[in-house]
C-alpha atoms as a PDB file:
ATOM      1  CA  ARG A   1      36.256 -45.110 -56.605  1.00  0.00           C
ATOM      2  CA  LYS A   2      36.618 -47.311 -59.678  1.00  0.00           C
ATOM      3  CA  ALA A   3      40.167 -46.085 -60.256  1.00  0.00           C
ATOM      4  CA  TYR A   4      41.234 -46.940 -56.702  1.00  0.00           C
ATOM      5  CA  ALA A   5      39.498 -50.312 -56.857  1.00  0.00           C
ATOM      6  CA  GLU A   6      41.358 -51.034 -60.096  1.00  0.00           C
ATOM      7  CA  ALA A   7      44.658 -49.909 -58.571  1.00  0.00           C
ATOM      8  CA  LEU A   8      44.035 -52.201 -55.612  1.00  0.00           C
ATOM      9  CA  ARG A   9      43.299 -55.083 -57.977  1.00  0.00           C
ATOM     10  CA  LEU A  10      46.517 -54.392 -59.870  1.00  0.00           C
ATOM     11  CA  THR A  11      48.586 -54.428 -56.683  1.00  0.00           C
ATOM     12  CA  GLN A  12      47.394 -57.976 -56.104  1.00  0.00           C
ATOM     13  CA  LYS A  13      48.924 -59.054 -59.424  1.00  0.00           C
ATOM     14  CA  LEU A  14      52.397 -57.600 -59.102  1.00  0.00           C
ATOM     15  CA  PRO A  15      55.350 -59.408 -60.698  1.00  0.00           C
ATOM     16  CA  GLU A  16      56.584 -62.366 -58.693  1.00  0.00           C
ATOM     17  CA  ASP A  17      60.145 -61.047 -58.603  1.00  0.00           C
ATOM     18  CA  LEU A  18      58.971 -57.921 -56.782  1.00  0.00           C
ATOM     19  CA  ALA A  19      59.846 -58.119 -53.100  1.00  0.00           C
ATOM     20  CA  LEU A  20      56.866 -58.753 -50.830  1.00  0.00           C
ATOM     21  CA  GLU A  21      57.737 -55.714 -48.732  1.00  0.00           C
ATOM     22  CA  THR A  22      57.694 -53.521 -51.851  1.00  0.00           C
ATOM     23  CA  ALA A  23      54.369 -54.956 -52.962  1.00  0.00           C
ATOM     24  CA  VAL A  24      52.825 -54.319 -49.556  1.00  0.00           C
ATOM     25  CA  SER A  25      54.172 -50.768 -49.447  1.00  0.00           C
ATOM     26  CA  LEU A  26      52.539 -50.115 -52.827  1.00  0.00           C
ATOM     27  CA  ARG A  27      49.236 -51.570 -51.692  1.00  0.00           C
ATOM     28  CA  ARG A  28      48.765 -49.709 -48.373  1.00  0.00           C
ATOM     29  CA  PRO A  29      48.315 -46.183 -49.766  1.00  0.00           C
ATOM     30  CA  VAL A  30      45.802 -47.499 -52.282  1.00  0.00           C
ATOM     31  CA  GLN A  31      43.839 -49.235 -49.518  1.00  0.00           C
ATOM     32  CA  LEU A  32      43.809 -46.075 -47.404  1.00  0.00           C
ATOM     33  CA  ASN A  33      42.779 -43.858 -50.305  1.00  0.00           C
ATOM     34  CA  LEU A  34      40.009 -46.260 -51.258  1.00  0.00           C
ATOM     35  CA  ALA A  35      38.821 -46.250 -47.625  1.00  0.00           C
ATOM     36  CA  LEU A  36      38.631 -42.459 -47.777  1.00  0.00           C
ATOM     37  CA  VAL A  37      36.644 -42.640 -51.014  1.00  0.00           C
ATOM     38  CA  CYS A  38      34.232 -45.109 -49.410  1.00  0.00           C
ATOM     39  CA  LEU A  39      33.685 -42.680 -46.530  1.00  0.00           C
ATOM     40  CA  ARG A  40      33.005 -39.777 -48.889  1.00  0.00           C
ATOM     41  CA  LEU A  41      30.656 -41.543 -51.276  1.00  0.00           C
ATOM     42  CA  ASP A  42      26.971 -40.723 -51.220  1.00  0.00           C
ATOM     43  CA  PRO A  43      25.766 -43.007 -49.791  1.00  0.00           C
ATOM     44  CA  THR A  44      28.842 -43.874 -47.779  1.00  0.00           C
ATOM     45  CA  GLN A  45      30.275 -47.382 -47.646  1.00  0.00           C
ATOM     46  CA  PRO A  46      31.596 -47.529 -44.082  1.00  0.00           C
ATOM     47  CA  MET A  47      31.768 -51.325 -43.894  1.00  0.00           C
ATOM     48  CA  ARG A  48      34.094 -51.471 -46.914  1.00  0.00           C
ATOM     49  CA  ALA A  49      36.160 -48.607 -45.471  1.00  0.00           C
ATOM     50  CA  LEU A  50      36.413 -50.483 -42.167  1.00  0.00           C
ATOM     51  CA  GLU A  51      37.567 -53.668 -43.935  1.00  0.00           C
ATOM     52  CA  LEU A  52      40.268 -51.784 -45.838  1.00  0.00           C
ATOM     53  CA  CYS A  53      41.535 -50.046 -42.704  1.00  0.00           C
ATOM     54  CA  GLU A  54      41.625 -53.280 -40.752  1.00  0.00           C
ATOM     55  CA  GLU A  55      43.675 -54.926 -43.517  1.00  0.00           C
ATOM     56  CA  VAL A  56      46.230 -52.148 -43.213  1.00  0.00           C
ATOM     57  CA  LEU A  57      46.170 -52.304 -39.407  1.00  0.00           C
ATOM     58  CA  ASP A  58      46.714 -56.063 -39.458  1.00  0.00           C
ATOM     59  CA  ALA A  59      50.019 -55.429 -41.210  1.00  0.00           C
ATOM     60  CA  GLU A  60      50.854 -52.115 -39.542  1.00  0.00           C
ATOM     61  CA  PRO A  61      49.005 -51.731 -36.202  1.00  0.00           C
ATOM     62  CA  GLU A  62      50.254 -48.197 -35.549  1.00  0.00           C
ATOM     63  CA  ASN A  63      49.289 -46.733 -38.934  1.00  0.00           C
ATOM     64  CA  PRO A  64      47.774 -43.344 -38.059  1.00  0.00           C
ATOM     65  CA  LYS A  65      45.681 -42.864 -41.202  1.00  0.00           C
ATOM     66  CA  ALA A  66      44.227 -46.345 -40.980  1.00  0.00           C
ATOM     67  CA  THR A  67      43.373 -45.788 -37.311  1.00  0.00           C
ATOM     68  CA  TYR A  68      41.711 -42.448 -38.024  1.00  0.00           C
ATOM     69  CA  ARG A  69      39.738 -43.720 -41.004  1.00  0.00           C
ATOM     70  CA  LYS A  70      38.705 -46.794 -39.031  1.00  0.00           C
ATOM     71  CA  ALA A  71      37.314 -44.447 -36.367  1.00  0.00           C
ATOM     72  CA  LYS A  72      35.394 -42.516 -39.019  1.00  0.00           C
ATOM     73  CA  ALA A  73      33.982 -45.759 -40.464  1.00  0.00           C
ATOM     74  CA  LEU A  74      32.934 -46.992 -37.016  1.00  0.00           C
ATOM     75  CA  LEU A  75      31.206 -43.690 -36.357  1.00  0.00           C
ATOM     76  CA  GLU A  76      29.302 -44.018 -39.647  1.00  0.00           C
ATOM     77  CA  LEU A  77      28.252 -47.521 -38.558  1.00  0.00           C
ATOM     78  CA  GLY A  78      26.897 -46.170 -35.269  1.00  0.00           C
ATOM     79  CA  GLU A  79      29.607 -47.794 -33.149  1.00  0.00           C
ATOM     80  CA  GLU A  80      30.292 -44.701 -31.042  1.00  0.00           C
ATOM     81  CA  LYS A  81      32.270 -46.320 -28.207  1.00  0.00           C
ATOM     82  CA  GLU A  82      34.581 -48.199 -30.572  1.00  0.00           C
ATOM     83  CA  ALA A  83      34.924 -45.071 -32.714  1.00  0.00           C
ATOM     84  CA  GLU A  84      35.890 -42.998 -29.678  1.00  0.00           C
ATOM     85  CA  PHE A  85      38.528 -45.571 -28.714  1.00  0.00           C
ATOM     86  CA  GLU A  86      40.018 -45.385 -32.221  1.00  0.00           C
ATOM     87  CA  PHE A  87      39.845 -41.573 -32.271  1.00  0.00           C
ATOM     88  CA  VAL A  88      41.833 -41.519 -29.016  1.00  0.00           C
ATOM     89  CA  ARG A  89      44.403 -43.865 -30.553  1.00  0.00           C
ATOM     90  CA  ALA A  90      44.545 -41.680 -33.677  1.00  0.00           C
ATOM     91  CA  CYS A  91      45.103 -38.582 -31.515  1.00  0.00           C
ATOM     92  CA  LYS A  92      48.046 -40.276 -29.852  1.00  0.00           C
ATOM     93  CA  LEU A  93      49.478 -41.332 -33.218  1.00  0.00           C
ATOM     94  CA  MET A  94      48.888 -37.916 -34.817  1.00  0.00           C
ATOM     95  CA  ALA A  95      49.286 -35.590 -31.849  1.00  0.00           C
ATOM     96  CA  LYS A  96      49.744 -32.489 -34.004  1.00  0.00           C
ATOM     97  CA  ASP A  97      46.720 -33.087 -36.249  1.00  0.00           C
ATOM     98  CA  ALA A  98      43.928 -30.688 -35.245  1.00  0.00           C
ATOM     99  CA  THR A  99      41.345 -32.441 -37.432  1.00  0.00           C
ATOM    100  CA  VAL A 100      41.682 -35.693 -35.508  1.00  0.00           C
ATOM    101  CA  ARG A 101      41.347 -33.889 -32.191  1.00  0.00           C
ATOM    102  CA  LYS A 102      38.330 -31.959 -33.475  1.00  0.00           C
ATOM    103  CA  ASP A 103      36.618 -35.203 -34.539  1.00  0.00           C
ATOM    104  CA  LEU A 104      37.264 -36.710 -31.106  1.00  0.00           C
ATOM    105  CA  GLU A 105      35.725 -33.717 -29.374  1.00  0.00           C
ATOM    106  CA  ALA A 106      32.666 -33.653 -31.660  1.00  0.00           C
END
């Protein structure tokens, strides 16, 4: 978790001559990986995972990983109806992913 948090911090201090689009594209995978770490920690940190996913979704509303991990975070927070809505969205975005479908049916 510390490594991803540090990577995220570093992506906030990228050189000014680096194109904004490049900086954002470097930051998104780090945010999504950190969200996954937050969901796998013991104890989990679903609120932080949710925040990270929503940051990604603000910039890229159809991001399948962010949608799926947001659903997982909402489920951890006890927000079943919202989680189900996001799982359905994730299924549509990742139609071939059996794990997403399995989580929706659980």
